[in-house]
Amino acid sequence: MNGQKKSVGVISGKGGVGKTSLTASLANLTKDDIEIKSIVLDCDVDAPNLALILPAESSEQVETIDTFTTLKATFIEEKCVHCKQCIDEHFCEFHALNWNDTDQIPEVDYLSCEGCGACKVLCPEHAFNINTVKSGEIIHYGSNIGVPLIYGKTKIGSTTSGKLVSDVKEFASGIDNFNQYNLILIDGPPGIGCPVIATVSGLDFIIAITEPTPSGLHDLIRAIEVVKQFKIPFGIVINKYDLKSPFQDEFKKYIEETGYHVLGRIPYDLAIPTAMSFAKTVVEHAPNSKASLAIKDIYKNLKNVLWNNAKL
């Protein structure tokens, strides 16, 4: 593949449709592929769980880096004259300031504070300041399948998960021997917000996974609209494609009318939740199951699209 590095994001308009399971299975398939050397990123920084399926090979190899991107207000007690103006005049629109009757001073509610700086500007005594605080962590290690995993974890109350996604991607590009990897697999967040936008930005291909249900189709359409804004090629994976549902006809009609490329279809298969209960990918736990065979076909199709210019 002549060193052609490709980056692929797996996203979904909604949670619970198999995004992380698919990403982990694709990563597992790369370890036995002599043409591919992959690295995996979990950019679902508000709820990262890829590490549950791809744990560290050794706890001694886990590297953790703190990130500081969230702004929060801090109170400088020695400057306060106890005027209570900050409370009486509602300096904070986010209700992050509360009055301590015992000490006659304001207190900052960390979780409610948005770091907007209004209290700093409005306080006549300059008794507030705005500082960066720890907003999360980036964790990096070699997984038990021999594929490196990097993921972000947002601290509760932080408001910069989109920035943390960008930090995870930037950190990955700076690790030793990054240039030796020719496939970057990214488990993206659900939805269409800032973390999704930060995830898909700059990627070569997007896998949009969904299921044939009303909510699955509704959120797939939203996710595709985001991807199209970036003009990134994409393919659709339909999980539980054989569900017996009156909505199947409407779902098939949408696929046919749009002409969107279906990268693969995964059948309903109890081997997947069974594998999850063992904290393993389905292709590892049940390699000959219907779901595993379907995911192997998706992997082949993905390689053809990325490196052989297969028609979308």
Protein backbone atom coordinates (compact mmCIF):
# COMPACT_ATOMS: atom_id res chain seq x y z
CA MET A 1 0.00 0.00 0.00
CA ASN A 2 3.11 2.12 -0.42
CA GLY A 3 2.79 4.04 2.80
CA GLN A 4 -0.59 5.54 1.94
CA LYS A 5 -1.94 6.52 5.34
CA LYS A 6 -5.73 6.50 5.65
CA SER A 7 -7.88 7.73 8.51
CA VAL A 8 -11.37 6.31 9.05
CA GLY A 9 -14.00 7.44 11.52
CA VAL A 10 -16.91 5.31 12.69
CA ILE A 11 -19.87 7.47 13.69
CA SER A 12 -23.58 7.14 14.35
CA GLY A 13 -26.34 9.64 14.72
CA LYS A 14 -27.41 7.91 17.92
CA GLY A 15 -25.83 5.71 20.54
CA GLY A 16 -26.34 1.99 20.92
CA VAL A 17 -26.24 0.93 17.28
CA GLY A 18 -22.92 -0.93 17.38
CA LYS A 19 -20.35 1.80 16.67
CA THR A 20 -17.79 0.74 19.27
CA SER A 21 -18.32 -2.97 18.63
CA LEU A 22 -17.66 -2.48 14.93
CA THR A 23 -14.57 -0.32 15.51
CA ALA A 24 -13.08 -2.87 17.91
CA SER A 25 -13.77 -5.74 15.50
CA LEU A 26 -12.17 -3.90 12.59
CA ALA A 27 -9.14 -3.17 14.77
CA ASN A 28 -8.94 -6.85 15.70
CA LEU A 29 -8.96 -7.86 12.03
CA THR A 30 -6.02 -5.58 11.25
CA LYS A 31 -3.67 -7.41 13.61
CA ASP A 32 -3.46 -10.43 11.29
CA ASP A 33 -3.34 -8.39 8.09
CA ILE A 34 0.25 -8.09 6.88
CA GLU A 35 -0.71 -5.13 4.67
CA ILE A 36 -2.11 -3.07 7.52
CA LYS A 37 -0.51 -1.50 10.56
CA SER A 38 -3.22 0.26 12.52
CA ILE A 39 -3.68 2.55 15.48
CA VAL A 40 -7.04 3.08 17.19
CA LEU A 41 -8.47 6.26 18.71
CA ASP A 42 -11.55 6.51 20.92
CA CYS A 43 -12.89 10.03 20.40
CA ASP A 44 -16.13 9.42 22.27
CA VAL A 45 -14.51 11.42 25.05
CA ASP A 46 -17.68 11.91 27.11
CA ALA A 47 -18.21 8.15 27.40
CA PRO A 48 -15.13 6.25 26.19
CA ASN A 49 -15.53 2.50 26.44
CA LEU A 50 -13.37 1.04 23.69
CA ALA A 51 -10.80 0.29 26.39
CA LEU A 52 -13.23 -2.23 27.90
CA ILE A 53 -12.88 -4.38 24.79
CA LEU A 54 -9.27 -3.49 24.02
CA PRO A 55 -7.59 -3.33 27.44
CA ALA A 56 -3.91 -2.62 27.98
CA GLU A 57 -1.50 -5.47 27.45
CA SER A 58 0.33 -4.30 30.56
CA SER A 59 -0.68 -1.73 33.17
CA GLU A 60 2.93 -0.57 33.28
CA GLN A 61 2.66 0.66 29.69
CA VAL A 62 -0.31 2.97 30.29
CA GLU A 63 0.53 6.64 29.77
CA THR A 64 -1.86 9.30 31.10
CA ILE A 65 -1.64 12.98 30.20
CA ASP A 66 -3.80 15.65 31.86
CA THR A 67 -5.44 18.25 29.62
CA PHE A 68 -6.26 21.82 30.60
CA THR A 69 -8.72 23.44 28.22
CA THR A 70 -11.75 24.25 30.38
CA LEU A 71 -12.12 27.74 31.86
CA LYS A 72 -13.61 28.15 35.35
CA ALA A 73 -14.04 31.08 37.72
CA THR A 74 -12.09 31.23 40.97
CA PHE A 75 -12.90 33.46 43.92
CA ILE A 76 -10.17 35.61 45.52
CA GLU A 77 -11.39 35.97 49.11
CA GLU A 78 -8.88 38.61 50.24
CA LYS A 79 -10.24 41.05 47.65
CA CYS A 80 -13.89 40.61 48.65
CA VAL A 81 -15.59 43.43 50.62
CA HIS A 82 -18.72 41.32 51.28
CA CYS A 83 -20.98 43.68 49.34
CA LYS A 84 -23.03 40.79 47.87
CA GLN A 85 -23.36 42.73 44.63
CA CYS A 86 -22.45 39.63 42.62
CA ILE A 87 -25.52 37.87 43.98
CA ASP A 88 -27.97 40.77 44.15
CA GLU A 89 -27.22 41.89 40.60
CA HIS A 90 -27.06 38.36 39.20
CA PHE A 91 -23.57 38.53 37.74
CA CYS A 92 -23.82 34.88 36.70
CA GLU A 93 -26.48 33.85 34.20
CA PHE A 94 -25.61 30.21 34.83
CA HIS A 95 -26.42 30.38 38.56
CA ALA A 96 -22.87 29.33 39.42
CA LEU A 97 -22.55 31.87 42.24
CA ASN A 98 -24.06 31.12 45.65
CA TRP A 99 -23.86 33.13 48.84
CA ASN A 100 -22.30 31.67 51.96
CA ASP A 101 -24.23 33.30 54.82
CA THR A 102 -21.79 32.09 57.45
CA ASP A 103 -18.65 33.59 55.90
CA GLN A 104 -20.48 36.33 53.99
CA ILE A 105 -18.73 35.50 50.73
CA PRO A 106 -19.77 34.11 47.33
CA GLU A 107 -18.96 30.54 46.37
CA VAL A 108 -18.42 29.24 42.85
CA ASP A 109 -20.32 26.12 41.81
CA TYR A 110 -17.69 24.30 39.70
CA LEU A 111 -20.19 22.20 37.74
CA SER A 112 -22.42 25.16 36.86
CA CYS A 113 -19.64 27.57 35.95
CA GLU A 114 -19.15 28.06 32.20
CA GLY A 115 -16.02 30.20 32.54
CA CYS A 116 -17.66 33.06 30.66
CA GLY A 117 -15.81 35.72 32.68
CA ALA A 118 -18.83 37.87 33.57
CA CYS A 119 -18.06 37.78 37.29
CA LYS A 120 -14.47 38.87 36.66
CA VAL A 121 -15.59 41.82 34.53
CA LEU A 122 -18.50 42.95 36.71
CA CYS A 123 -17.01 42.68 40.19
CA PRO A 124 -15.83 46.19 41.20
CA GLU A 125 -13.24 44.69 43.55
CA HIS A 126 -11.87 42.24 40.94
CA ALA A 127 -12.46 39.38 43.36
CA PHE A 128 -12.87 36.79 40.61
CA ASN A 129 -10.45 35.35 38.13
CA ILE A 130 -10.79 32.98 35.18
CA ASN A 131 -8.30 30.13 34.92
CA THR A 132 -7.84 26.94 32.98
CA VAL A 133 -8.51 23.81 34.99
CA LYS A 134 -8.04 20.13 34.34
CA SER A 135 -10.65 19.20 31.77
CA GLY A 136 -9.78 15.59 31.09
CA GLU A 137 -7.14 13.03 30.29
CA ILE A 138 -5.55 11.40 27.28
CA ILE A 139 -4.67 7.74 27.84
CA HIS A 140 -2.26 5.87 25.59
CA TYR A 141 -1.15 2.23 25.65
CA GLY A 142 -0.55 -0.89 23.62
CA SER A 143 -3.73 -2.99 23.66
CA ASN A 144 -3.97 -6.72 24.24
CA ILE A 145 -4.33 -7.33 20.48
CA GLY A 146 -1.07 -5.55 19.72
CA VAL A 147 -2.74 -2.42 18.33
CA PRO A 148 -2.06 0.91 20.11
CA LEU A 149 -5.10 2.63 21.63
CA ILE A 150 -5.40 6.33 22.45
CA TYR A 151 -8.51 7.77 24.02
CA GLY A 152 -9.73 10.88 25.75
CA LYS A 153 -11.77 11.06 28.94
CA THR A 154 -13.61 14.26 29.81
CA LYS A 155 -13.73 15.31 33.45
CA ILE A 156 -17.27 15.71 34.78
CA GLY A 157 -18.31 19.35 34.55
CA SER A 158 -15.93 20.22 31.74
CA THR A 159 -17.38 21.85 28.66
CA THR A 160 -14.69 21.39 26.05
CA SER A 161 -15.14 17.80 24.83
CA GLY A 162 -14.77 18.97 21.21
CA LYS A 163 -11.37 20.45 22.05
CA LEU A 164 -10.37 17.23 23.81
CA VAL A 165 -11.18 15.27 20.64
CA SER A 166 -8.83 17.55 18.71
CA ASP A 167 -6.20 17.09 21.40
CA VAL A 168 -6.49 13.29 21.15
CA LYS A 169 -5.97 13.43 17.38
CA GLU A 170 -3.04 15.83 17.75
CA PHE A 171 -1.46 13.67 20.47
CA ALA A 172 -1.74 10.60 18.24
CA SER A 173 0.06 12.35 15.38
CA GLY A 174 2.96 13.13 17.69
CA ILE A 175 3.67 9.69 19.14
CA ASP A 176 6.82 7.79 18.26
CA ASN A 177 6.68 5.90 14.96
CA PHE A 178 3.30 7.42 14.02
CA ASN A 179 4.34 7.41 10.38
CA GLN A 180 4.60 3.63 10.38
CA TYR A 181 0.82 3.26 10.74
CA ASN A 182 -1.15 3.24 7.51
CA LEU A 183 -4.62 2.96 9.04
CA ILE A 184 -6.03 5.19 11.77
CA LEU A 185 -9.34 3.84 13.07
CA ILE A 186 -11.43 6.28 15.11
CA ASP A 187 -14.42 5.39 17.27
CA GLY A 188 -16.36 8.63 17.13
CA PRO A 189 -19.01 10.01 19.47
CA PRO A 190 -22.74 9.69 18.72
CA GLY A 191 -24.86 12.64 17.68
CA ILE A 192 -23.94 15.68 15.57
CA GLY A 193 -22.36 18.08 18.10
CA CYS A 194 -18.90 19.58 18.51
CA PRO A 195 -17.15 16.27 19.36
CA VAL A 196 -18.47 14.72 16.13
CA ILE A 197 -17.38 17.71 14.06
CA ALA A 198 -13.92 17.59 15.66
CA THR A 199 -13.75 13.84 14.98
CA VAL A 200 -14.64 13.83 11.28
CA SER A 201 -12.58 16.90 10.40
CA GLY A 202 -9.65 15.93 8.20
CA LEU A 203 -10.53 12.24 7.83
CA ASP A 204 -10.34 10.27 4.59
CA PHE A 205 -13.45 8.15 5.03
CA ILE A 206 -16.44 7.83 7.31
CA ILE A 207 -18.40 4.73 8.26
CA ALA A 208 -21.91 5.69 9.37
CA ILE A 209 -23.45 2.79 11.24
CA THR A 210 -27.18 2.57 11.85
CA GLU A 211 -30.05 0.16 12.32
CA PRO A 212 -33.34 -0.10 10.41
CA THR A 213 -35.54 1.66 12.96
CA PRO A 214 -37.27 5.07 12.87
CA SER A 215 -34.80 6.62 15.31
CA GLY A 216 -31.87 4.93 13.58
CA LEU A 217 -32.82 6.39 10.19
CA HIS A 218 -33.66 9.81 11.60
CA ASP A 219 -30.27 10.16 13.27
CA LEU A 220 -28.39 8.61 10.35
CA ILE A 221 -29.75 11.37 8.11
CA ARG A 222 -28.51 14.02 10.56
CA ALA A 223 -25.06 12.42 10.79
CA ILE A 224 -24.71 12.20 7.01
CA GLU A 225 -25.60 15.88 6.67
CA VAL A 226 -22.67 16.72 8.93
CA VAL A 227 -20.29 14.51 6.94
CA LYS A 228 -21.43 16.00 3.64
CA GLN A 229 -20.53 19.48 4.89
CA PHE A 230 -16.91 18.30 5.00
CA LYS A 231 -17.15 16.61 1.59
CA ILE A 232 -15.76 13.37 3.03
CA PRO A 233 -16.66 10.10 1.27
CA PHE A 234 -18.69 7.74 3.41
CA GLY A 235 -20.31 4.34 3.48
CA ILE A 236 -23.22 3.03 5.50
CA VAL A 237 -23.19 -0.09 7.65
CA ILE A 238 -26.61 -1.44 8.59
CA ASN A 239 -26.54 -3.33 11.87
CA LYS A 240 -29.33 -5.84 12.61
CA TYR A 241 -30.37 -5.40 9.00
CA ASP A 242 -32.72 -8.40 9.17
CA LEU A 243 -34.90 -7.07 11.98
CA LYS A 244 -38.55 -7.97 11.43
CA SER A 245 -40.08 -4.53 11.44
CA PRO A 246 -42.79 -2.71 9.49
CA PHE A 247 -40.26 0.10 9.09
CA GLN A 248 -37.97 -2.04 6.92
CA ASP A 249 -39.67 -0.99 3.67
CA GLU A 250 -39.26 2.71 4.46
CA PHE A 251 -35.63 2.20 5.41
CA LYS A 252 -34.86 0.29 2.20
CA LYS A 253 -36.64 2.97 0.18
CA TYR A 254 -34.41 5.66 1.68
CA ILE A 255 -31.24 3.72 0.80
CA GLU A 256 -32.43 3.09 -2.76
CA GLU A 257 -33.57 6.66 -3.39
CA THR A 258 -30.42 8.29 -2.06
CA GLY A 259 -28.09 5.84 -3.77
CA TYR A 260 -25.76 5.95 -0.77
CA HIS A 261 -23.10 3.26 -0.71
CA VAL A 262 -23.79 0.43 1.73
CA LEU A 263 -20.44 -0.83 2.94
CA GLY A 264 -22.01 -3.86 4.60
CA ARG A 265 -24.91 -5.38 6.47
CA ILE A 266 -24.59 -7.10 9.84
CA PRO A 267 -27.36 -9.56 10.80
CA TYR A 268 -28.96 -9.80 14.21
CA ASP A 269 -26.67 -12.23 16.02
CA LEU A 270 -26.57 -13.11 19.72
CA ALA A 271 -22.84 -13.80 19.28
CA ILE A 272 -22.25 -10.05 19.57
CA PRO A 273 -23.74 -9.50 23.07
CA THR A 274 -22.21 -12.80 24.15
CA ALA A 275 -18.77 -11.59 23.04
CA MET A 276 -19.37 -8.29 24.84
CA SER A 277 -20.10 -10.16 28.07
CA PHE A 278 -16.60 -11.62 27.80
CA ALA A 279 -15.18 -8.16 26.97
CA LYS A 280 -14.08 -9.40 23.56
CA THR A 281 -14.81 -8.52 19.95
CA VAL A 282 -17.18 -10.85 18.15
CA VAL A 283 -14.57 -11.65 15.47
CA GLU A 284 -12.27 -12.88 18.22
CA HIS A 285 -14.86 -14.67 20.37
CA ALA A 286 -16.94 -16.21 17.58
CA PRO A 287 -14.96 -15.86 14.33
CA ASN A 288 -17.35 -18.04 12.31
CA SER A 289 -20.57 -16.43 13.50
CA LYS A 290 -22.86 -14.68 11.03
CA ALA A 291 -21.95 -11.28 12.45
CA SER A 292 -18.22 -11.97 12.27
CA LEU A 293 -18.40 -13.07 8.65
CA ALA A 294 -20.34 -9.92 7.81
CA ILE A 295 -17.79 -7.70 9.57
CA LYS A 296 -14.96 -9.45 7.71
CA ASP A 297 -16.71 -8.57 4.45
CA ILE A 298 -17.02 -4.96 5.63
CA TYR A 299 -13.30 -4.92 6.35
CA LYS A 300 -12.52 -6.18 2.84
CA ASN A 301 -14.85 -3.62 1.30
CA LEU A 302 -13.26 -0.86 3.37
CA LYS A 303 -9.77 -1.78 2.16
CA ASN A 304 -10.97 -1.81 -1.44
CA VAL A 305 -12.50 1.64 -1.06
CA LEU A 306 -9.46 3.11 0.69
CA TRP A 307 -6.61 1.68 -1.36
CA ASN A 308 -8.03 0.13 -4.52
CA ASN A 309 -10.34 3.04 -5.38
CA ALA A 310 -13.38 0.80 -5.43
CA LYS A 311 -16.44 2.71 -6.61
CA LEU A 312 -18.68 4.14 -3.91
